[in-house]
Amino acid sequence: MLNKLIVVSAIVVIHFLGYGQIPPGYYDHAAGLSGTELKAALNDIIQGHVQFPYTSRDTDIWDILKHTDQDTIDTNNVILLYSGWSKNGALEYDGGNGWSREHVWAKSRGAFGTKPGPGTDAHALRPADVTVNSARNNRWFAECNEEYVDGDGATGSYRSSSQWVWKPRDEVKGDVARMIFYMATRYEGENGEVDLEVIDSIPSDNKTNLPIHAKLSDLYKWHQEDPVDDWERRRNDIIYFHYQKNRNPFIDHPEFVELIWGD
């Protein structure tokens, strides 16, 4: 009964505030800051969130993504990140016939796998087509121009035959950038967690497990070219009110990106 009351209360709060309305006082401790001071303040605000398992009989990442990425037209489906295709959510992986849980910050970049924390953080996990997700692999994010065409058709996402890089479709490239910025802010090496950092070069070692991701200048540009939309705001609210109790600051305050990484 208590869990039901919590969910009902969350729904009432969302309805009252409207999607994308920041809870009063949430960012008070970040007011007036910039650079590393702002990043540290945001880390203090968003760390310590409620963690969920990757796979479980109870609420897990499958369940959360069916909610956060639900197709608003066909509510039985989820929208796949890199292709925009709509897929039956109940299928889950289904032996490769369904969909997969994409770690936008590749889980090998820091070798955190699917452990609670960075490996199960819903702010940086999205549904993806199984074969498209495999094509992205753990490629760095950067500009490239060879469209990836899956067996099901063109995806609108791109890769390169000369560099280990991937560019999401235009409709979500800003979303991806803000997820990467979130991860680099949320995970700062405290309490035994990995310290994730965004860099502005493409590493020569594609197999490195260092806790880094690239490429900062392209991600920054994508953030500017694909502004925050209602889909992201809705998703941010669902994660905050229903699950993790923390928010992606760069959705609520896009200007934080410039204040931290603008130089």
C-alpha atoms as a PDB file:
ATOM      1  CA  MET A   1       0.000   0.000   0.000  1.00  0.00           C
ATOM      2  CA  LEU A   2       2.846   2.398   0.829  1.00  0.00           C
ATOM      3  CA  ASN A   3       4.447   1.863  -2.608  1.00  0.00           C
ATOM      4  CA  LYS A   4       1.124   2.555  -4.305  1.00  0.00           C
ATOM      5  CA  LEU A   5       0.746   5.780  -2.322  1.00  0.00           C
ATOM      6  CA  ILE A   6       4.242   6.882  -3.350  1.00  0.00           C
ATOM      7  CA  VAL A   7       3.494   6.271  -7.027  1.00  0.00           C
ATOM      8  CA  VAL A   8       0.146   8.065  -6.805  1.00  0.00           C
ATOM      9  CA  SER A   9       1.796  10.995  -5.038  1.00  0.00           C
ATOM     10  CA  ALA A  10       4.461  11.178  -7.728  1.00  0.00           C
ATOM     11  CA  ILE A  11       1.818  11.205 -10.455  1.00  0.00           C
ATOM     12  CA  VAL A  12      -0.028  14.010  -8.675  1.00  0.00           C
ATOM     13  CA  VAL A  13       3.184  16.049  -8.342  1.00  0.00           C
ATOM     14  CA  ILE A  14       4.021  15.595 -12.038  1.00  0.00           C
ATOM     15  CA  HIS A  15       0.506  16.578 -13.034  1.00  0.00           C
ATOM     16  CA  PHE A  16       0.700  19.662 -10.828  1.00  0.00           C
ATOM     17  CA  LEU A  17       4.122  20.786 -11.973  1.00  0.00           C
ATOM     18  CA  GLY A  18       3.899  19.741 -15.610  1.00  0.00           C
ATOM     19  CA  TYR A  19       6.713  17.937 -17.404  1.00  0.00           C
ATOM     20  CA  GLY A  20      10.012  19.765 -17.238  1.00  0.00           C
ATOM     21  CA  GLN A  21       9.075  21.829 -14.208  1.00  0.00           C
ATOM     22  CA  ILE A  22      12.028  21.670 -11.821  1.00  0.00           C
ATOM     23  CA  PRO A  23      11.146  20.935  -8.181  1.00  0.00           C
ATOM     24  CA  PRO A  24      11.545  24.157  -6.183  1.00  0.00           C
ATOM     25  CA  GLY A  25      14.968  24.561  -4.598  1.00  0.00           C
ATOM     26  CA  TYR A  26      16.515  21.553  -6.323  1.00  0.00           C
ATOM     27  CA  TYR A  27      19.445  23.519  -7.767  1.00  0.00           C
ATOM     28  CA  ASP A  28      19.785  26.178  -5.077  1.00  0.00           C
ATOM     29  CA  HIS A  29      23.303  25.033  -4.092  1.00  0.00           C
ATOM     30  CA  ALA A  30      24.504  25.482  -7.685  1.00  0.00           C
ATOM     31  CA  ALA A  31      23.315  29.062  -8.044  1.00  0.00           C
ATOM     32  CA  GLY A  32      25.931  31.495  -9.312  1.00  0.00           C
ATOM     33  CA  LEU A  33      28.639  28.884  -9.845  1.00  0.00           C
ATOM     34  CA  SER A  34      30.582  27.903 -12.963  1.00  0.00           C
ATOM     35  CA  GLY A  35      33.393  25.598 -14.045  1.00  0.00           C
ATOM     36  CA  THR A  36      34.638  22.939 -11.655  1.00  0.00           C
ATOM     37  CA  GLU A  37      32.751  24.503  -8.742  1.00  0.00           C
ATOM     38  CA  LEU A  38      29.452  24.134 -10.581  1.00  0.00           C
ATOM     39  CA  LYS A  39      30.273  20.562 -11.614  1.00  0.00           C
ATOM     40  CA  ALA A  40      31.089  19.667  -8.005  1.00  0.00           C
ATOM     41  CA  ALA A  41      27.896  21.275  -6.714  1.00  0.00           C
ATOM     42  CA  LEU A  42      25.804  19.395  -9.280  1.00  0.00           C
ATOM     43  CA  ASN A  43      27.496  16.150  -8.287  1.00  0.00           C
ATOM     44  CA  ASP A  44      26.505  16.778  -4.672  1.00  0.00           C
ATOM     45  CA  ILE A  45      22.905  17.365  -5.763  1.00  0.00           C
ATOM     46  CA  ILE A  46      22.441  14.335  -8.020  1.00  0.00           C
ATOM     47  CA  GLN A  47      24.573  11.670  -6.302  1.00  0.00           C
ATOM     48  CA  GLY A  48      23.160   9.153  -3.869  1.00  0.00           C
ATOM     49  CA  HIS A  49      20.241   8.279  -6.116  1.00  0.00           C
ATOM     50  CA  VAL A  50      18.065   5.174  -5.721  1.00  0.00           C
ATOM     51  CA  GLN A  51      19.705   2.315  -7.635  1.00  0.00           C
ATOM     52  CA  PHE A  52      17.934  -0.474  -9.498  1.00  0.00           C
ATOM     53  CA  PRO A  53      19.247  -3.827 -10.741  1.00  0.00           C
ATOM     54  CA  TYR A  54      20.001  -4.465 -14.384  1.00  0.00           C
ATOM     55  CA  THR A  55      17.899  -7.637 -14.434  1.00  0.00           C
ATOM     56  CA  SER A  56      15.567  -8.798 -11.687  1.00  0.00           C
ATOM     57  CA  ARG A  57      12.133 -10.247 -10.952  1.00  0.00           C
ATOM     58  CA  ASP A  58      11.448  -6.951  -9.213  1.00  0.00           C
ATOM     59  CA  THR A  59      11.659  -3.533 -10.881  1.00  0.00           C
ATOM     60  CA  ASP A  60      14.713  -3.496 -13.126  1.00  0.00           C
ATOM     61  CA  ILE A  61      16.117  -1.562 -16.081  1.00  0.00           C
ATOM     62  CA  TRP A  62      13.826  -3.354 -18.532  1.00  0.00           C
ATOM     63  CA  ASP A  63      10.807  -2.098 -16.581  1.00  0.00           C
ATOM     64  CA  ILE A  64      12.145   1.432 -16.232  1.00  0.00           C
ATOM     65  CA  LEU A  65      12.935   1.813 -19.943  1.00  0.00           C
ATOM     66  CA  LYS A  66       9.464   0.583 -20.905  1.00  0.00           C
ATOM     67  CA  HIS A  67       8.183   3.569 -18.934  1.00  0.00           C
ATOM     68  CA  THR A  68      10.751   6.268 -19.744  1.00  0.00           C
ATOM     69  CA  ASP A  69      10.931   5.514 -23.473  1.00  0.00           C
ATOM     70  CA  GLN A  70       7.345   4.487 -24.068  1.00  0.00           C
ATOM     71  CA  ASP A  71       5.964   5.249 -27.513  1.00  0.00           C
ATOM     72  CA  THR A  72       3.306   7.883 -26.842  1.00  0.00           C
ATOM     73  CA  ILE A  73       1.315   6.739 -29.895  1.00  0.00           C
ATOM     74  CA  ASP A  74       1.499   2.972 -29.354  1.00  0.00           C
ATOM     75  CA  THR A  75       1.961   2.694 -25.609  1.00  0.00           C
ATOM     76  CA  ASN A  76       2.819  -1.010 -25.822  1.00  0.00           C
ATOM     77  CA  ASN A  77       6.046  -0.060 -27.597  1.00  0.00           C
ATOM     78  CA  VAL A  78       9.327   1.674 -26.823  1.00  0.00           C
ATOM     79  CA  ILE A  79      11.195   4.084 -29.110  1.00  0.00           C
ATOM     80  CA  LEU A  80      14.669   2.900 -30.097  1.00  0.00           C
ATOM     81  CA  LEU A  81      17.375   5.513 -29.623  1.00  0.00           C
ATOM     82  CA  TYR A  82      19.605   5.309 -32.695  1.00  0.00           C
ATOM     83  CA  SER A  83      16.915   4.510 -35.268  1.00  0.00           C
ATOM     84  CA  GLY A  84      13.679   6.023 -33.954  1.00  0.00           C
ATOM     85  CA  TRP A  85      11.872   2.763 -34.659  1.00  0.00           C
ATOM     86  CA  SER A  86       9.032   1.620 -32.415  1.00  0.00           C
ATOM     87  CA  LYS A  87       9.319  -1.871 -30.902  1.00  0.00           C
ATOM     88  CA  ASN A  88       7.105  -3.991 -28.684  1.00  0.00           C
ATOM     89  CA  GLY A  89       8.354  -3.296 -25.166  1.00  0.00           C
ATOM     90  CA  ALA A  90       7.191  -6.615 -23.697  1.00  0.00           C
ATOM     91  CA  LEU A  91       9.567  -8.528 -25.977  1.00  0.00           C
ATOM     92  CA  GLU A  92      12.639  -7.276 -24.118  1.00  0.00           C
ATOM     93  CA  TYR A  93      15.688  -9.007 -25.654  1.00  0.00           C
ATOM     94  CA  ASP A  94      13.794 -12.088 -26.857  1.00  0.00           C
ATOM     95  CA  GLY A  95      16.859 -13.955 -28.077  1.00  0.00           C
ATOM     96  CA  GLY A  96      17.915 -11.056 -30.274  1.00  0.00           C
ATOM     97  CA  ASN A  97      14.483 -10.548 -31.827  1.00  0.00           C
ATOM     98  CA  GLY A  98      13.455  -7.786 -29.440  1.00  0.00           C
ATOM     99  CA  TRP A  99      15.467  -4.783 -28.262  1.00  0.00           C
ATOM    100  CA  SER A 100      18.535  -4.151 -26.120  1.00  0.00           C
ATOM    101  CA  ARG A 101      19.489  -1.836 -23.268  1.00  0.00           C
ATOM    102  CA  GLU A 102      22.061   0.567 -24.660  1.00  0.00           C
ATOM    103  CA  HIS A 103      24.673   2.054 -22.353  1.00  0.00           C
ATOM    104  CA  VAL A 104      25.082   5.456 -24.002  1.00  0.00           C
ATOM    105  CA  TRP A 105      28.294   5.888 -22.027  1.00  0.00           C
ATOM    106  CA  ALA A 106      29.765   2.595 -23.228  1.00  0.00           C
ATOM    107  CA  LYS A 107      30.072   0.299 -20.224  1.00  0.00           C
ATOM    108  CA  SER A 108      33.589  -0.708 -21.268  1.00  0.00           C
ATOM    109  CA  ARG A 109      34.746   2.932 -20.916  1.00  0.00           C
ATOM    110  CA  GLY A 110      35.490   2.560 -17.228  1.00  0.00           C
ATOM    111  CA  ALA A 111      34.775  -1.184 -17.140  1.00  0.00           C
ATOM    112  CA  PHE A 112      31.745  -0.783 -14.886  1.00  0.00           C
ATOM    113  CA  GLY A 113      29.628  -3.313 -16.751  1.00  0.00           C
ATOM    114  CA  THR A 114      26.064  -3.664 -15.500  1.00  0.00           C
ATOM    115  CA  LYS A 115      26.755  -3.089 -11.820  1.00  0.00           C
ATOM    116  CA  PRO A 116      24.363  -0.808  -9.910  1.00  0.00           C
ATOM    117  CA  GLY A 117      25.533   2.771 -10.229  1.00  0.00           C
ATOM    118  CA  PRO A 118      26.913   3.735 -13.644  1.00  0.00           C
ATOM    119  CA  GLY A 119      25.950   0.363 -15.108  1.00  0.00           C
ATOM    120  CA  THR A 120      22.265   0.737 -14.250  1.00  0.00           C
ATOM    121  CA  ASP A 121      21.776   4.497 -14.303  1.00  0.00           C
ATOM    122  CA  ALA A 122      18.545   5.074 -16.221  1.00  0.00           C
ATOM    123  CA  HIS A 123      19.603   8.595 -17.176  1.00  0.00           C
ATOM    124  CA  ALA A 124      22.153   7.050 -19.576  1.00  0.00           C
ATOM    125  CA  LEU A 125      20.410   3.833 -20.625  1.00  0.00           C
ATOM    126  CA  ARG A 126      18.085   3.756 -23.626  1.00  0.00           C
ATOM    127  CA  PRO A 127      16.293   1.100 -25.707  1.00  0.00           C
ATOM    128  CA  ALA A 128      18.086   0.284 -28.958  1.00  0.00           C
ATOM    129  CA  ASP A 129      17.671  -2.044 -31.889  1.00  0.00           C
ATOM    130  CA  VAL A 130      19.807  -5.124 -31.247  1.00  0.00           C
ATOM    131  CA  THR A 131      21.833  -4.998 -34.464  1.00  0.00           C
ATOM    132  CA  VAL A 132      22.110  -1.195 -34.488  1.00  0.00           C
ATOM    133  CA  ASN A 133      23.363  -1.325 -30.915  1.00  0.00           C
ATOM    134  CA  SER A 134      25.918  -3.911 -31.961  1.00  0.00           C
ATOM    135  CA  ALA A 135      27.057  -1.633 -34.800  1.00  0.00           C
ATOM    136  CA  ARG A 136      27.528   1.261 -32.386  1.00  0.00           C
ATOM    137  CA  ASN A 137      29.499  -1.090 -30.127  1.00  0.00           C
ATOM    138  CA  ASN A 138      31.653   1.130 -27.854  1.00  0.00           C
ATOM    139  CA  ARG A 139      32.480   3.696 -30.526  1.00  0.00           C
ATOM    140  CA  TRP A 140      33.316   7.211 -29.416  1.00  0.00           C
ATOM    141  CA  PHE A 141      30.808   9.937 -30.266  1.00  0.00           C
ATOM    142  CA  ALA A 142      32.102  12.263 -32.975  1.00  0.00           C
ATOM    143  CA  GLU A 143      31.250  13.653 -36.387  1.00  0.00           C
ATOM    144  CA  CYS A 144      31.182  11.102 -39.236  1.00  0.00           C
ATOM    145  CA  ASN A 145      29.250  10.721 -42.475  1.00  0.00           C
ATOM    146  CA  GLU A 146      28.667   7.074 -43.409  1.00  0.00           C
ATOM    147  CA  GLU A 147      25.036   6.311 -42.644  1.00  0.00           C
ATOM    148  CA  TYR A 148      24.488   2.994 -40.945  1.00  0.00           C
ATOM    149  CA  VAL A 149      21.878   0.994 -42.836  1.00  0.00           C
ATOM    150  CA  ASP A 150      20.498  -1.932 -40.903  1.00  0.00           C
ATOM    151  CA  GLY A 151      18.712  -4.961 -42.338  1.00  0.00           C
ATOM    152  CA  ASP A 152      15.501  -3.155 -41.400  1.00  0.00           C
ATOM    153  CA  GLY A 153      16.498   0.019 -43.245  1.00  0.00           C
ATOM    154  CA  ALA A 154      18.303   3.331 -42.870  1.00  0.00           C
ATOM    155  CA  THR A 155      18.766   4.446 -39.274  1.00  0.00           C
ATOM    156  CA  GLY A 156      19.748   8.096 -39.624  1.00  0.00           C
ATOM    157  CA  SER A 157      22.808   7.375 -37.463  1.00  0.00           C
ATOM    158  CA  TYR A 158      26.344   7.400 -38.815  1.00  0.00           C
ATOM    159  CA  ARG A 159      29.728   5.737 -38.377  1.00  0.00           C
ATOM    160  CA  SER A 160      33.142   5.911 -39.998  1.00  0.00           C
ATOM    161  CA  SER A 161      35.282   3.325 -41.738  1.00  0.00           C
ATOM    162  CA  SER A 162      38.465   5.189 -40.807  1.00  0.00           C
ATOM    163  CA  GLN A 163      37.771   6.062 -37.150  1.00  0.00           C
ATOM    164  CA  TRP A 164      36.064   4.227 -34.306  1.00  0.00           C
ATOM    165  CA  VAL A 165      33.266   6.807 -33.987  1.00  0.00           C
ATOM    166  CA  TRP A 166      29.472   7.043 -34.094  1.00  0.00           C
ATOM    167  CA  LYS A 167      27.051   9.900 -34.674  1.00  0.00           C
ATOM    168  CA  PRO A 168      23.438   9.488 -33.496  1.00  0.00           C
ATOM    169  CA  ARG A 169      20.588  10.667 -35.680  1.00  0.00           C
ATOM    170  CA  ASP A 170      19.938  14.400 -35.582  1.00  0.00           C
ATOM    171  CA  GLU A 171      16.787  14.055 -33.478  1.00  0.00           C
ATOM    172  CA  VAL A 172      18.699  12.628 -30.507  1.00  0.00           C
ATOM    173  CA  LYS A 173      22.309  13.788 -30.865  1.00  0.00           C
ATOM    174  CA  GLY A 174      21.703  16.470 -28.238  1.00  0.00           C
ATOM    175  CA  ASP A 175      20.056  13.903 -25.965  1.00  0.00           C
ATOM    176  CA  VAL A 176      23.180  11.747 -26.242  1.00  0.00           C
ATOM    177  CA  ALA A 177      25.440  14.699 -25.457  1.00  0.00           C
ATOM    178  CA  ARG A 178      23.457  15.586 -22.344  1.00  0.00           C
ATOM    179  CA  MET A 179      23.553  11.959 -21.171  1.00  0.00           C
ATOM    180  CA  ILE A 180      27.329  11.927 -21.535  1.00  0.00           C
ATOM    181  CA  PHE A 181      27.606  15.218 -19.642  1.00  0.00           C
ATOM    182  CA  TYR A 182      25.369  13.789 -16.923  1.00  0.00           C
ATOM    183  CA  MET A 183      27.587  10.728 -16.495  1.00  0.00           C
ATOM    184  CA  ALA A 184      30.757  12.830 -16.320  1.00  0.00           C
ATOM    185  CA  THR A 185      29.128  14.920 -13.586  1.00  0.00           C
ATOM    186  CA  ARG A 186      27.391  12.211 -11.589  1.00  0.00           C
ATOM    187  CA  TYR A 187      30.407   9.870 -11.361  1.00  0.00           C
ATOM    188  CA  GLU A 188      33.425  11.665  -9.921  1.00  0.00           C
ATOM    189  CA  GLY A 189      35.272   8.831  -8.196  1.00  0.00           C
ATOM    190  CA  GLU A 190      33.672   9.304  -4.794  1.00  0.00           C
ATOM    191  CA  ASN A 191      32.578   6.450  -2.522  1.00  0.00           C
ATOM    192  CA  GLY A 192      34.454   3.894  -4.582  1.00  0.00           C
ATOM    193  CA  GLU A 193      32.712   4.870  -7.817  1.00  0.00           C
ATOM    194  CA  VAL A 194      34.456   5.303 -11.140  1.00  0.00           C
ATOM    195  CA  ASP A 195      35.591   8.808 -12.156  1.00  0.00           C
ATOM    196  CA  LEU A 196      34.238   9.466 -15.659  1.00  0.00           C
ATOM    197  CA  GLU A 197      35.636  12.261 -17.814  1.00  0.00           C
ATOM    198  CA  VAL A 198      34.837  13.649 -21.276  1.00  0.00           C
ATOM    199  CA  ILE A 199      37.875  14.326 -23.466  1.00  0.00           C
ATOM    200  CA  ASP A 200      38.298  16.293 -26.683  1.00  0.00           C
ATOM    201  CA  SER A 201      40.342  13.824 -28.711  1.00  0.00           C
ATOM    202  CA  ILE A 202      39.814  10.377 -30.171  1.00  0.00           C
ATOM    203  CA  PRO A 203      42.023   7.866 -28.330  1.00  0.00           C
ATOM    204  CA  SER A 204      44.338   5.793 -30.482  1.00  0.00           C
ATOM    205  CA  ASP A 205      43.440   2.670 -28.487  1.00  0.00           C
ATOM    206  CA  ASN A 206      39.853   1.721 -29.309  1.00  0.00           C
ATOM    207  CA  LYS A 207      39.946  -1.068 -26.735  1.00  0.00           C
ATOM    208  CA  THR A 208      40.951   1.071 -23.785  1.00  0.00           C
ATOM    209  CA  ASN A 209      38.986   0.584 -20.569  1.00  0.00           C
ATOM    210  CA  LEU A 210      39.967   3.984 -19.217  1.00  0.00           C
ATOM    211  CA  PRO A 211      36.979   5.905 -17.757  1.00  0.00           C
ATOM    212  CA  ILE A 212      36.865   8.417 -20.610  1.00  0.00           C
ATOM    213  CA  HIS A 213      34.553   9.258 -23.477  1.00  0.00           C
ATOM    214  CA  ALA A 214      34.903  11.431 -26.547  1.00  0.00           C
ATOM    215  CA  LYS A 215      34.589  13.795 -28.275  1.00  0.00           C
ATOM    216  CA  LEU A 216      33.836  16.840 -26.162  1.00  0.00           C
ATOM    217  CA  SER A 217      33.742  19.523 -28.870  1.00  0.00           C
ATOM    218  CA  ASP A 218      31.373  17.500 -31.061  1.00  0.00           C
ATOM    219  CA  LEU A 219      29.129  16.627 -28.127  1.00  0.00           C
ATOM    220  CA  TYR A 220      29.055  20.296 -27.181  1.00  0.00           C
ATOM    221  CA  LYS A 221      28.042  21.195 -30.740  1.00  0.00           C
ATOM    222  CA  TRP A 222      25.338  18.527 -30.816  1.00  0.00           C
ATOM    223  CA  HIS A 223      23.980  19.872 -27.535  1.00  0.00           C
ATOM    224  CA  GLN A 224      23.594  23.275 -29.193  1.00  0.00           C
ATOM    225  CA  GLU A 225      22.195  21.969 -32.479  1.00  0.00           C
ATOM    226  CA  ASP A 226      19.605  19.652 -30.882  1.00  0.00           C
ATOM    227  CA  PRO A 227      18.084  21.535 -27.924  1.00  0.00           C
ATOM    228  CA  VAL A 228      16.183  19.932 -25.060  1.00  0.00           C
ATOM    229  CA  ASP A 229      12.677  18.857 -26.064  1.00  0.00           C
ATOM    230  CA  ASP A 230       9.550  17.646 -24.273  1.00  0.00           C
ATOM    231  CA  TRP A 231      10.551  13.996 -24.708  1.00  0.00           C
ATOM    232  CA  GLU A 232      13.696  14.569 -22.647  1.00  0.00           C
ATOM    233  CA  ARG A 233      11.846  16.627 -20.050  1.00  0.00           C
ATOM    234  CA  ARG A 234       9.209  13.935 -19.648  1.00  0.00           C
ATOM    235  CA  ARG A 235      11.876  11.254 -19.340  1.00  0.00           C
ATOM    236  CA  ASN A 236      13.789  13.284 -16.756  1.00  0.00           C
ATOM    237  CA  ASP A 237      10.650  13.696 -14.671  1.00  0.00           C
ATOM    238  CA  ILE A 238       9.746  10.012 -14.819  1.00  0.00           C
ATOM    239  CA  ILE A 239      13.194   8.979 -13.610  1.00  0.00           C
ATOM    240  CA  TYR A 240      13.119  11.559 -10.829  1.00  0.00           C
ATOM    241  CA  PHE A 241       9.582  11.044  -9.524  1.00  0.00           C
ATOM    242  CA  HIS A 242       9.139   7.316 -10.084  1.00  0.00           C
ATOM    243  CA  TYR A 243      12.572   5.744  -9.782  1.00  0.00           C
ATOM    244  CA  GLN A 244      15.983   7.243  -9.030  1.00  0.00           C
ATOM    245  CA  LYS A 245      14.975  10.487  -7.291  1.00  0.00           C
ATOM    246  CA  ASN A 246      17.669  12.433  -9.135  1.00  0.00           C
ATOM    247  CA  ARG A 247      17.640  14.519 -12.294  1.00  0.00           C
ATOM    248  CA  ASN A 248      19.812  15.256 -15.310  1.00  0.00           C
ATOM    249  CA  PRO A 249      20.843  18.893 -14.674  1.00  0.00           C
ATOM    250  CA  PHE A 250      21.679  19.507 -18.334  1.00  0.00           C
ATOM    251  CA  ILE A 251      18.073  18.873 -19.331  1.00  0.00           C
ATOM    252  CA  ASP A 252      16.739  21.209 -16.637  1.00  0.00           C
ATOM    253  CA  HIS A 253      19.435  23.843 -17.226  1.00  0.00           C
ATOM    254  CA  PRO A 254      21.050  23.499 -20.677  1.00  0.00           C
ATOM    255  CA  GLU A 255      23.153  26.562 -19.897  1.00  0.00           C
ATOM    256  CA  PHE A 256      25.104  24.483 -17.353  1.00  0.00           C
ATOM    257  CA  VAL A 257      26.895  22.806 -20.276  1.00  0.00           C
ATOM    258  CA  GLU A 258      28.420  26.111 -21.363  1.00  0.00           C
ATOM    259  CA  LEU A 259      29.178  27.146 -17.789  1.00  0.00           C
ATOM    260  CA  ILE A 260      31.208  23.954 -17.254  1.00  0.00           C
ATOM    261  CA  TRP A 261      32.625  23.070 -20.674  1.00  0.00           C
ATOM    262  CA  GLY A 262      32.177  26.262 -22.686  1.00  0.00           C
ATOM    263  CA  ASP A 263      35.865  27.125 -22.714  1.00  0.00           C
END
